[in-house]
Every structure is written in structure tokens, then in C-alpha cells.
Amino acid sequence: IMQLLPPQARGNVAGEVILGNQDLLALP
């Protein structure tokens, strides 16, 4: 949810985490 995974695992994520109207998984 916080995008604090190790760098090697960040590409291994699927689904949605919506806060307000933003998908946090899509944020840079």
C-alpha cells in the first residue's frame, strides 16, 4: 500500500489501492 517494497519486488504487484480518486500503485 505504501510502495515500500524492496526494489526487486515492486514489479511483482497487481490489483488496486485507491485513496480518494488515485490508484497508489500507479503513482511514481
mmCIF file of all heavy atoms, coordinates in Angstrom:
data_MODEL
# 
_entry.id   MODEL 
# 
loop_
_atom_site.group_PDB 
_atom_site.id 
_atom_site.type_symbol 
_atom_site.label_atom_id 
_atom_site.label_alt_id 
_atom_site.label_comp_id 
_atom_site.label_asym_id 
_atom_site.label_entity_id 
_atom_site.label_seq_id 
_atom_site.pdbx_PDB_ins_code 
_atom_site.Cartn_x 
_atom_site.Cartn_y 
_atom_site.Cartn_z 
_atom_site.occupancy 
_atom_site.B_iso_or_equiv 
_atom_site.pdbx_formal_charge 
_atom_site.auth_seq_id 
_atom_site.auth_comp_id 
_atom_site.auth_asym_id 
_atom_site.auth_atom_id 
_atom_site.pdbx_PDB_model_num 
ATOM 1   N N   . ILE A 1 1  ? 0.840   -1.205  0.000   1.00 0.00 ? 1  ILE A N   1 
ATOM 2   C CA  . ILE A 1 1  ? 0.000   0.000   0.000   1.00 0.00 ? 1  ILE A CA  1 
ATOM 3   C C   . ILE A 1 1  ? 0.872   1.250   0.000   1.00 0.00 ? 1  ILE A C   1 
ATOM 4   O O   . ILE A 1 1  ? 0.608   2.219   -0.723  1.00 0.00 ? 1  ILE A O   1 
ATOM 5   C CB  . ILE A 1 1  ? -0.939  -0.007  1.221   1.00 0.00 ? 1  ILE A CB  1 
ATOM 6   C CG1 . ILE A 1 1  ? -2.001  -1.095  1.072   1.00 0.00 ? 1  ILE A CG1 1 
ATOM 7   C CG2 . ILE A 1 1  ? -1.604  1.367   1.409   1.00 0.00 ? 1  ILE A CG2 1 
ATOM 8   C CD1 . ILE A 1 1  ? -2.841  -1.312  2.312   1.00 0.00 ? 1  ILE A CD1 1 
ATOM 9   N N   . MET A 1 2  ? 1.941   1.229   0.796   1.00 0.00 ? 2  MET A N   1 
ATOM 10  C CA  . MET A 1 2  ? 2.819   2.394   0.949   1.00 0.00 ? 2  MET A CA  1 
ATOM 11  C C   . MET A 1 2  ? 3.903   2.474   -0.121  1.00 0.00 ? 2  MET A C   1 
ATOM 12  O O   . MET A 1 2  ? 4.694   3.416   -0.129  1.00 0.00 ? 2  MET A O   1 
ATOM 13  C CB  . MET A 1 2  ? 3.469   2.366   2.330   1.00 0.00 ? 2  MET A CB  1 
ATOM 14  C CG  . MET A 1 2  ? 2.490   2.451   3.486   1.00 0.00 ? 2  MET A CG  1 
ATOM 15  S SD  . MET A 1 2  ? 1.691   4.054   3.600   1.00 0.00 ? 2  MET A SD  1 
ATOM 16  C CE  . MET A 1 2  ? 3.012   5.049   4.304   1.00 0.00 ? 2  MET A CE  1 
ATOM 17  N N   . GLN A 1 3  ? 3.960   1.482   -1.010  1.00 0.00 ? 3  GLN A N   1 
ATOM 18  C CA  . GLN A 1 3  ? 5.034   1.384   -2.012  1.00 0.00 ? 3  GLN A CA  1 
ATOM 19  C C   . GLN A 1 3  ? 6.410   1.415   -1.342  1.00 0.00 ? 3  GLN A C   1 
ATOM 20  O O   . GLN A 1 3  ? 7.305   2.164   -1.749  1.00 0.00 ? 3  GLN A O   1 
ATOM 21  C CB  . GLN A 1 3  ? 4.914   2.498   -3.053  1.00 0.00 ? 3  GLN A CB  1 
ATOM 22  C CG  . GLN A 1 3  ? 3.794   2.281   -4.063  1.00 0.00 ? 3  GLN A CG  1 
ATOM 23  C CD  . GLN A 1 3  ? 4.048   3.002   -5.381  1.00 0.00 ? 3  GLN A CD  1 
ATOM 24  O OE1 . GLN A 1 3  ? 5.187   3.101   -5.856  1.00 0.00 ? 3  GLN A OE1 1 
ATOM 25  N NE2 . GLN A 1 3  ? 2.991   3.520   -5.981  1.00 0.00 ? 3  GLN A NE2 1 
ATOM 26  N N   . LEU A 1 4  ? 6.573   0.588   -0.335  1.00 0.00 ? 4  LEU A N   1 
ATOM 27  C CA  . LEU A 1 4  ? 7.844   0.490   0.388   1.00 0.00 ? 4  LEU A CA  1 
ATOM 28  C C   . LEU A 1 4  ? 8.479   -0.896  0.250   1.00 0.00 ? 4  LEU A C   1 
ATOM 29  O O   . LEU A 1 4  ? 9.339   -1.268  1.043   1.00 0.00 ? 4  LEU A O   1 
ATOM 30  C CB  . LEU A 1 4  ? 7.627   0.805   1.873   1.00 0.00 ? 4  LEU A CB  1 
ATOM 31  C CG  . LEU A 1 4  ? 7.306   2.259   2.201   1.00 0.00 ? 4  LEU A CG  1 
ATOM 32  C CD1 . LEU A 1 4  ? 6.985   2.416   3.678   1.00 0.00 ? 4  LEU A CD1 1 
ATOM 33  C CD2 . LEU A 1 4  ? 8.470   3.175   1.816   1.00 0.00 ? 4  LEU A CD2 1 
ATOM 34  N N   . LEU A 1 5  ? 8.063   -1.632  -0.766  1.00 0.00 ? 5  LEU A N   1 
ATOM 35  C CA  . LEU A 1 5  ? 8.651   -2.940  -1.015  1.00 0.00 ? 5  LEU A CA  1 
ATOM 36  C C   . LEU A 1 5  ? 10.093  -2.800  -1.502  1.00 0.00 ? 5  LEU A C   1 
ATOM 37  O O   . LEU A 1 5  ? 10.476  -1.756  -2.050  1.00 0.00 ? 5  LEU A O   1 
ATOM 38  C CB  . LEU A 1 5  ? 7.845   -3.689  -2.069  1.00 0.00 ? 5  LEU A CB  1 
ATOM 39  C CG  . LEU A 1 5  ? 6.442   -4.151  -1.671  1.00 0.00 ? 5  LEU A CG  1 
ATOM 40  C CD1 . LEU A 1 5  ? 5.689   -4.628  -2.908  1.00 0.00 ? 5  LEU A CD1 1 
ATOM 41  C CD2 . LEU A 1 5  ? 6.513   -5.248  -0.628  1.00 0.00 ? 5  LEU A CD2 1 
ATOM 42  N N   . PRO A 1 6  ? 10.928  -3.838  -1.329  1.00 0.00 ? 6  PRO A N   1 
ATOM 43  C CA  . PRO A 1 6  ? 12.275  -3.811  -1.918  1.00 0.00 ? 6  PRO A CA  1 
ATOM 44  C C   . PRO A 1 6  ? 12.190  -3.590  -3.425  1.00 0.00 ? 6  PRO A C   1 
ATOM 45  O O   . PRO A 1 6  ? 11.223  -4.033  -4.068  1.00 0.00 ? 6  PRO A O   1 
ATOM 46  C CB  . PRO A 1 6  ? 12.834  -5.201  -1.589  1.00 0.00 ? 6  PRO A CB  1 
ATOM 47  C CG  . PRO A 1 6  ? 12.015  -5.696  -0.447  1.00 0.00 ? 6  PRO A CG  1 
ATOM 48  C CD  . PRO A 1 6  ? 10.655  -5.094  -0.601  1.00 0.00 ? 6  PRO A CD  1 
ATOM 49  N N   . PRO A 1 7  ? 13.162  -2.909  -4.014  1.00 0.00 ? 7  PRO A N   1 
ATOM 50  C CA  . PRO A 1 7  ? 13.103  -2.597  -5.449  1.00 0.00 ? 7  PRO A CA  1 
ATOM 51  C C   . PRO A 1 7  ? 12.843  -3.806  -6.338  1.00 0.00 ? 7  PRO A C   1 
ATOM 52  O O   . PRO A 1 7  ? 12.107  -3.714  -7.325  1.00 0.00 ? 7  PRO A O   1 
ATOM 53  C CB  . PRO A 1 7  ? 14.483  -1.989  -5.727  1.00 0.00 ? 7  PRO A CB  1 
ATOM 54  C CG  . PRO A 1 7  ? 14.911  -1.419  -4.405  1.00 0.00 ? 7  PRO A CG  1 
ATOM 55  C CD  . PRO A 1 7  ? 14.366  -2.345  -3.368  1.00 0.00 ? 7  PRO A CD  1 
ATOM 56  N N   . GLN A 1 8  ? 13.428  -4.958  -5.986  1.00 0.00 ? 8  GLN A N   1 
ATOM 57  C CA  . GLN A 1 8  ? 13.284  -6.137  -6.839  1.00 0.00 ? 8  GLN A CA  1 
ATOM 58  C C   . GLN A 1 8  ? 11.877  -6.712  -6.838  1.00 0.00 ? 8  GLN A C   1 
ATOM 59  O O   . GLN A 1 8  ? 11.525  -7.533  -7.689  1.00 0.00 ? 8  GLN A O   1 
ATOM 60  C CB  . GLN A 1 8  ? 14.275  -7.223  -6.437  1.00 0.00 ? 8  GLN A CB  1 
ATOM 61  C CG  . GLN A 1 8  ? 14.083  -7.783  -5.033  1.00 0.00 ? 8  GLN A CG  1 
ATOM 62  C CD  . GLN A 1 8  ? 14.856  -7.006  -3.984  1.00 0.00 ? 8  GLN A CD  1 
ATOM 63  O OE1 . GLN A 1 8  ? 15.170  -5.830  -4.191  1.00 0.00 ? 8  GLN A OE1 1 
ATOM 64  N NE2 . GLN A 1 8  ? 15.192  -7.669  -2.881  1.00 0.00 ? 8  GLN A NE2 1 
ATOM 65  N N   . ALA A 1 9  ? 11.038  -6.280  -5.871  1.00 0.00 ? 9  ALA A N   1 
ATOM 66  C CA  . ALA A 1 9  ? 9.677   -6.820  -5.782  1.00 0.00 ? 9  ALA A CA  1 
ATOM 67  C C   . ALA A 1 9  ? 8.622   -5.859  -6.287  1.00 0.00 ? 9  ALA A C   1 
ATOM 68  O O   . ALA A 1 9  ? 7.455   -6.221  -6.398  1.00 0.00 ? 9  ALA A O   1 
ATOM 69  C CB  . ALA A 1 9  ? 9.372   -7.201  -4.332  1.00 0.00 ? 9  ALA A CB  1 
ATOM 70  N N   . ARG A 1 10 ? 8.987   -4.626  -6.609  1.00 0.00 ? 10 ARG A N   1 
ATOM 71  C CA  . ARG A 1 10 ? 7.981   -3.627  -6.945  1.00 0.00 ? 10 ARG A CA  1 
ATOM 72  C C   . ARG A 1 10 ? 7.248   -3.915  -8.248  1.00 0.00 ? 10 ARG A C   1 
ATOM 73  O O   . ARG A 1 10 ? 6.138   -3.447  -8.453  1.00 0.00 ? 10 ARG A O   1 
ATOM 74  C CB  . ARG A 1 10 ? 8.624   -2.242  -6.992  1.00 0.00 ? 10 ARG A CB  1 
ATOM 75  C CG  . ARG A 1 10 ? 9.057   -1.768  -5.605  1.00 0.00 ? 10 ARG A CG  1 
ATOM 76  C CD  . ARG A 1 10 ? 9.793   -0.452  -5.634  1.00 0.00 ? 10 ARG A CD  1 
ATOM 77  N NE  . ARG A 1 10 ? 10.314  -0.136  -4.304  1.00 0.00 ? 10 ARG A NE  1 
ATOM 78  C CZ  . ARG A 1 10 ? 11.152  0.857   -4.046  1.00 0.00 ? 10 ARG A CZ  1 
ATOM 79  N NH1 . ARG A 1 10 ? 11.563  1.654   -5.036  1.00 0.00 ? 10 ARG A NH1 1 
ATOM 80  N NH2 . ARG A 1 10 ? 11.583  1.064   -2.822  1.00 0.00 ? 10 ARG A NH2 1 
ATOM 81  N N   . GLY A 1 11 ? 7.871   -4.682  -9.131  1.00 0.00 ? 11 GLY A N   1 
ATOM 82  C CA  . GLY A 1 11 ? 7.190   -5.041  -10.367 1.00 0.00 ? 11 GLY A CA  1 
ATOM 83  C C   . GLY A 1 11 ? 6.277   -6.236  -10.217 1.00 0.00 ? 11 GLY A C   1 
ATOM 84  O O   . GLY A 1 11 ? 5.551   -6.582  -11.148 1.00 0.00 ? 11 GLY A O   1 
ATOM 85  N N   . ASN A 1 12 ? 6.306   -6.867  -9.045  1.00 0.00 ? 12 ASN A N   1 
ATOM 86  C CA  . ASN A 1 12 ? 5.523   -8.079  -8.827  1.00 0.00 ? 12 ASN A CA  1 
ATOM 87  C C   . ASN A 1 12 ? 4.272   -7.782  -8.007  1.00 0.00 ? 12 ASN A C   1 
ATOM 88  O O   . ASN A 1 12 ? 3.985   -8.437  -7.006  1.00 0.00 ? 12 ASN A O   1 
ATOM 89  C CB  . ASN A 1 12 ? 6.364   -9.132  -8.106  1.00 0.00 ? 12 ASN A CB  1 
ATOM 90  C CG  . ASN A 1 12 ? 7.575   -9.563  -8.918  1.00 0.00 ? 12 ASN A CG  1 
ATOM 91  O OD1 . ASN A 1 12 ? 7.641   -9.317  -10.115 1.00 0.00 ? 12 ASN A OD1 1 
ATOM 92  N ND2 . ASN A 1 12 ? 8.517   -10.199 -8.272  1.00 0.00 ? 12 ASN A ND2 1 
ATOM 93  N N   . VAL A 1 13 ? 3.530   -6.776  -8.433  1.00 0.00 ? 13 VAL A N   1 
ATOM 94  C CA  . VAL A 1 13 ? 2.335   -6.333  -7.712  1.00 0.00 ? 13 VAL A CA  1 
ATOM 95  C C   . VAL A 1 13 ? 1.192   -6.180  -8.707  1.00 0.00 ? 13 VAL A C   1 
ATOM 96  O O   . VAL A 1 13 ? 1.389   -5.697  -9.828  1.00 0.00 ? 13 VAL A O   1 
ATOM 97  C CB  . VAL A 1 13 ? 2.584   -4.988  -6.993  1.00 0.00 ? 13 VAL A CB  1 
ATOM 98  C CG1 . VAL A 1 13 ? 1.302   -4.468  -6.356  1.00 0.00 ? 13 VAL A CG1 1 
ATOM 99  C CG2 . VAL A 1 13 ? 3.681   -5.137  -5.935  1.00 0.00 ? 13 VAL A CG2 1 
ATOM 100 N N   . ALA A 1 14 ? -0.008  -6.603  -8.294  1.00 0.00 ? 14 ALA A N   1 
ATOM 101 C CA  . ALA A 1 14 ? -1.200  -6.438  -9.125  1.00 0.00 ? 14 ALA A CA  1 
ATOM 102 C C   . ALA A 1 14 ? -2.369  -6.060  -8.230  1.00 0.00 ? 14 ALA A C   1 
ATOM 103 O O   . ALA A 1 14 ? -2.332  -6.243  -7.018  1.00 0.00 ? 14 ALA A O   1 
ATOM 104 C CB  . ALA A 1 14 ? -1.495  -7.724  -9.896  1.00 0.00 ? 14 ALA A CB  1 
ATOM 105 N N   . GLY A 1 15 ? -3.405  -5.516  -8.842  1.00 0.00 ? 15 GLY A N   1 
ATOM 106 C CA  . GLY A 1 15 ? -4.580  -5.093  -8.102  1.00 0.00 ? 15 GLY A CA  1 
ATOM 107 C C   . GLY A 1 15 ? -4.680  -3.579  -8.043  1.00 0.00 ? 15 GLY A C   1 
ATOM 108 O O   . GLY A 1 15 ? -4.018  -2.855  -8.806  1.00 0.00 ? 15 GLY A O   1 
ATOM 109 N N   . GLU A 1 16 ? -5.496  -3.083  -7.134  1.00 0.00 ? 16 GLU A N   1 
ATOM 110 C CA  . GLU A 1 16 ? -5.704  -1.642  -6.986  1.00 0.00 ? 16 GLU A CA  1 
ATOM 111 C C   . GLU A 1 16 ? -5.659  -1.255  -5.511  1.00 0.00 ? 16 GLU A C   1 
ATOM 112 O O   . GLU A 1 16 ? -6.146  -1.977  -4.648  1.00 0.00 ? 16 GLU A O   1 
ATOM 113 C CB  . GLU A 1 16 ? -7.061  -1.223  -7.556  1.00 0.00 ? 16 GLU A CB  1 
ATOM 114 C CG  . GLU A 1 16 ? -7.192  -1.380  -9.058  1.00 0.00 ? 16 GLU A CG  1 
ATOM 115 C CD  . GLU A 1 16 ? -8.550  -0.902  -9.541  1.00 0.00 ? 16 GLU A CD  1 
ATOM 116 O OE1 . GLU A 1 16 ? -9.532  -1.017  -8.772  1.00 0.00 ? 16 GLU A OE1 1 
ATOM 117 O OE2 . GLU A 1 16 ? -8.635  -0.416  -10.692 1.00 0.00 ? 16 GLU A OE2 1 
ATOM 118 N N   . VAL A 1 17 ? -5.075  -0.079  -5.250  1.00 0.00 ? 17 VAL A N   1 
ATOM 119 C CA  . VAL A 1 17 ? -5.101  0.532   -3.922  1.00 0.00 ? 17 VAL A CA  1 
ATOM 120 C C   . VAL A 1 17 ? -5.566  1.968   -4.138  1.00 0.00 ? 17 VAL A C   1 
ATOM 121 O O   . VAL A 1 17 ? -4.779  2.831   -4.530  1.00 0.00 ? 17 VAL A O   1 
ATOM 122 C CB  . VAL A 1 17 ? -3.724  0.494   -3.243  1.00 0.00 ? 17 VAL A CB  1 
ATOM 123 C CG1 . VAL A 1 17 ? -3.783  1.210   -1.885  1.00 0.00 ? 17 VAL A CG1 1 
ATOM 124 C CG2 . VAL A 1 17 ? -3.251  -0.938  -3.049  1.00 0.00 ? 17 VAL A CG2 1 
ATOM 125 N N   . ILE A 1 18 ? -6.849  2.215   -3.909  1.00 0.00 ? 18 ILE A N   1 
ATOM 126 C CA  . ILE A 1 18 ? -7.445  3.502   -4.232  1.00 0.00 ? 18 ILE A CA  1 
ATOM 127 C C   . ILE A 1 18 ? -7.547  4.358   -2.982  1.00 0.00 ? 18 ILE A C   1 
ATOM 128 O O   . ILE A 1 18 ? -8.173  3.976   -1.992  1.00 0.00 ? 18 ILE A O   1 
ATOM 129 C CB  . ILE A 1 18 ? -8.844  3.333   -4.856  1.00 0.00 ? 18 ILE A CB  1 
ATOM 130 C CG1 . ILE A 1 18 ? -8.786  2.383   -6.058  1.00 0.00 ? 18 ILE A CG1 1 
ATOM 131 C CG2 . ILE A 1 18 ? -9.413  4.693   -5.262  1.00 0.00 ? 18 ILE A CG2 1 
ATOM 132 C CD1 . ILE A 1 18 ? -7.914  2.871   -7.191  1.00 0.00 ? 18 ILE A CD1 1 
ATOM 133 N N   . LEU A 1 19 ? -6.918  5.519   -3.014  1.00 0.00 ? 19 LEU A N   1 
ATOM 134 C CA  . LEU A 1 19 ? -7.041  6.526   -1.969  1.00 0.00 ? 19 LEU A CA  1 
ATOM 135 C C   . LEU A 1 19 ? -7.647  7.762   -2.612  1.00 0.00 ? 19 LEU A C   1 
ATOM 136 O O   . LEU A 1 19 ? -7.025  8.381   -3.483  1.00 0.00 ? 19 LEU A O   1 
ATOM 137 C CB  . LEU A 1 19 ? -5.673  6.850   -1.368  1.00 0.00 ? 19 LEU A CB  1 
ATOM 138 C CG  . LEU A 1 19 ? -5.674  7.908   -0.260  1.00 0.00 ? 19 LEU A CG  1 
ATOM 139 C CD1 . LEU A 1 19 ? -6.316  7.366   1.009   1.00 0.00 ? 19 LEU A CD1 1 
ATOM 140 C CD2 . LEU A 1 19 ? -4.248  8.391   0.032   1.00 0.00 ? 19 LEU A CD2 1 
ATOM 141 N N   . GLY A 1 20 ? -8.850  8.133   -2.177  1.00 0.00 ? 20 GLY A N   1 
ATOM 142 C CA  . GLY A 1 20 ? -9.540  9.212   -2.874  1.00 0.00 ? 20 GLY A CA  1 
ATOM 143 C C   . GLY A 1 20 ? -9.883  8.759   -4.276  1.00 0.00 ? 20 GLY A C   1 
ATOM 144 O O   . GLY A 1 20 ? -10.594 7.781   -4.462  1.00 0.00 ? 20 GLY A O   1 
ATOM 145 N N   . ASN A 1 21 ? -9.345  9.441   -5.265  1.00 0.00 ? 21 ASN A N   1 
ATOM 146 C CA  . ASN A 1 21 ? -9.576  9.026   -6.655  1.00 0.00 ? 21 ASN A CA  1 
ATOM 147 C C   . ASN A 1 21 ? -8.293  8.597   -7.334  1.00 0.00 ? 21 ASN A C   1 
ATOM 148 O O   . ASN A 1 21 ? -8.205  8.566   -8.556  1.00 0.00 ? 21 ASN A O   1 
ATOM 149 C CB  . ASN A 1 21 ? -10.233 10.166  -7.451  1.00 0.00 ? 21 ASN A CB  1 
ATOM 150 C CG  . ASN A 1 21 ? -9.375  11.426  -7.473  1.00 0.00 ? 21 ASN A CG  1 
ATOM 151 O OD1 . ASN A 1 21 ? -8.310  11.473  -6.848  1.00 0.00 ? 21 ASN A OD1 1 
ATOM 152 N ND2 . ASN A 1 21 ? -9.833  12.442  -8.177  1.00 0.00 ? 21 ASN A ND2 1 
ATOM 153 N N   . GLN A 1 22 ? -7.267  8.253   -6.531  1.00 0.00 ? 22 GLN A N   1 
ATOM 154 C CA  . GLN A 1 22 ? -5.971  7.862   -7.083  1.00 0.00 ? 22 GLN A CA  1 
ATOM 155 C C   . GLN A 1 22 ? -5.656  6.409   -6.767  1.00 0.00 ? 22 GLN A C   1 
ATOM 156 O O   . GLN A 1 22 ? -5.892  5.940   -5.643  1.00 0.00 ? 22 GLN A O   1 
ATOM 157 C CB  . GLN A 1 22 ? -4.848  8.739   -6.508  1.00 0.00 ? 22 GLN A CB  1 
ATOM 158 C CG  . GLN A 1 22 ? -4.864  10.183  -6.971  1.00 0.00 ? 22 GLN A CG  1 
ATOM 159 C CD  . GLN A 1 22 ? -3.666  10.940  -6.435  1.00 0.00 ? 22 GLN A CD  1 
ATOM 160 O OE1 . GLN A 1 22 ? -3.376  10.903  -5.240  1.00 0.00 ? 22 GLN A OE1 1 
ATOM 161 N NE2 . GLN A 1 22 ? -2.952  11.622  -7.303  1.00 0.00 ? 22 GLN A NE2 1 
ATOM 162 N N   . ASP A 1 23 ? -5.117  5.701   -7.753  1.00 0.00 ? 23 ASP A N   1 
ATOM 163 C CA  . ASP A 1 23 ? -4.589  4.357   -7.530  1.00 0.00 ? 23 ASP A CA  1 
ATOM 164 C C   . ASP A 1 23 ? -3.123  4.504   -7.123  1.00 0.00 ? 23 ASP A C   1 
ATOM 165 O O   . ASP A 1 23 ? -2.276  4.882   -7.940  1.00 0.00 ? 23 ASP A O   1 
ATOM 166 C CB  . ASP A 1 23 ? -4.717  3.520   -8.802  1.00 0.00 ? 23 ASP A CB  1 
ATOM 167 C CG  . ASP A 1 23 ? -4.262  2.072   -8.592  1.00 0.00 ? 23 ASP A CG  1 
ATOM 168 O OD1 . ASP A 1 23 ? -3.781  1.743   -7.481  1.00 0.00 ? 23 ASP A OD1 1 
ATOM 169 O OD2 . ASP A 1 23 ? -4.371  1.280   -9.540  1.00 0.00 ? 23 ASP A OD2 1 
ATOM 170 N N   . LEU A 1 24 ? -2.829  4.234   -5.866  1.00 0.00 ? 24 LEU A N   1 
ATOM 171 C CA  . LEU A 1 24 ? -1.471  4.445   -5.364  1.00 0.00 ? 24 LEU A CA  1 
ATOM 172 C C   . LEU A 1 24 ? -0.450  3.579   -6.089  1.00 0.00 ? 24 LEU A C   1 
ATOM 173 O O   . LEU A 1 24 ? 0.725   3.966   -6.203  1.00 0.00 ? 24 LEU A O   1 
ATOM 174 C CB  . LEU A 1 24 ? -1.414  4.160   -3.857  1.00 0.00 ? 24 LEU A CB  1 
ATOM 175 C CG  . LEU A 1 24 ? -2.319  5.006   -2.959  1.00 0.00 ? 24 LEU A CG  1 
ATOM 176 C CD1 . LEU A 1 24 ? -2.018  4.717   -1.489  1.00 0.00 ? 24 LEU A CD1 1 
ATOM 177 C CD2 . LEU A 1 24 ? -2.165  6.492   -3.258  1.00 0.00 ? 24 LEU A CD2 1 
ATOM 178 N N   . LEU A 1 25 ? -0.861  2.419   -6.568  1.00 0.00 ? 25 LEU A N   1 
ATOM 179 C CA  . LEU A 1 25 ? 0.075   1.532   -7.256  1.00 0.00 ? 25 LEU A CA  1 
ATOM 180 C C   . LEU A 1 25 ? 0.524   2.104   -8.588  1.00 0.00 ? 25 LEU A C   1 
ATOM 181 O O   . LEU A 1 25 ? 1.542   1.674   -9.140  1.00 0.00 ? 25 LEU A O   1 
ATOM 182 C CB  . LEU A 1 25 ? -0.559  0.154   -7.467  1.00 0.00 ? 25 LEU A CB  1 
ATOM 183 C CG  . LEU A 1 25 ? -0.982  -0.593  -6.202  1.00 0.00 ? 25 LEU A CG  1 
ATOM 184 C CD1 . LEU A 1 25 ? -1.504  -1.979  -6.562  1.00 0.00 ? 25 LEU A CD1 1 
ATOM 185 C CD2 . LEU A 1 25 ? 0.179   -0.694  -5.204  1.00 0.00 ? 25 LEU A CD2 1 
ATOM 186 N N   . ALA A 1 26 ? -0.224  3.085   -9.116  1.00 0.00 ? 26 ALA A N   1 
ATOM 187 C CA  . ALA A 1 26 ? 0.123   3.689   -10.402 1.00 0.00 ? 26 ALA A CA  1 
ATOM 188 C C   . ALA A 1 26 ? 0.925   4.971   -10.243 1.00 0.00 ? 26 ALA A C   1 
ATOM 189 O O   . ALA A 1 26 ? 1.383   5.544   -11.237 1.00 0.00 ? 26 ALA A O   1 
ATOM 190 C CB  . ALA A 1 26 ? -1.147  3.975   -11.205 1.00 0.00 ? 26 ALA A CB  1 
ATOM 191 N N   . LEU A 1 27 ? 1.114   5.434   -8.998  1.00 0.00 ? 27 LEU A N   1 
ATOM 192 C CA  . LEU A 1 27 ? 1.816   6.699   -8.783  1.00 0.00 ? 27 LEU A CA  1 
ATOM 193 C C   . LEU A 1 27 ? 3.330   6.518   -8.856  1.00 0.00 ? 27 LEU A C   1 
ATOM 194 O O   . LEU A 1 27 ? 3.871   5.536   -8.358  1.00 0.00 ? 27 LEU A O   1 
ATOM 195 C CB  . LEU A 1 27 ? 1.454   7.281   -7.414  1.00 0.00 ? 27 LEU A CB  1 
ATOM 196 C CG  . LEU A 1 27 ? 0.020   7.759   -7.197  1.00 0.00 ? 27 LEU A CG  1 
ATOM 197 C CD1 . LEU A 1 27 ? -0.112  8.377   -5.808  1.00 0.00 ? 27 LEU A CD1 1 
ATOM 198 C CD2 . LEU A 1 27 ? -0.382  8.770   -8.264  1.00 0.00 ? 27 LEU A CD2 1 
ATOM 199 N N   . PRO A 1 28 ? 4.037   7.483   -9.455  1.00 0.00 ? 28 PRO A N   1 
ATOM 200 C CA  . PRO A 1 28 ? 5.505   7.447   -9.420  1.00 0.00 ? 28 PRO A CA  1 
ATOM 201 C C   . PRO A 1 28 ? 6.000   7.755   -8.013  1.00 0.00 ? 28 PRO A C   1 
ATOM 202 O O   . PRO A 1 28 ? 5.281   8.294   -7.177  1.00 0.00 ? 28 PRO A O   1 
ATOM 203 C CB  . PRO A 1 28 ? 5.903   8.551   -10.407 1.00 0.00 ? 28 PRO A CB  1 
ATOM 204 C CG  . PRO A 1 28 ? 4.744   9.489   -10.401 1.00 0.00 ? 28 PRO A CG  1 
ATOM 205 C CD  . PRO A 1 28 ? 3.520   8.651   -10.189 1.00 0.00 ? 28 PRO A CD  1 
# 
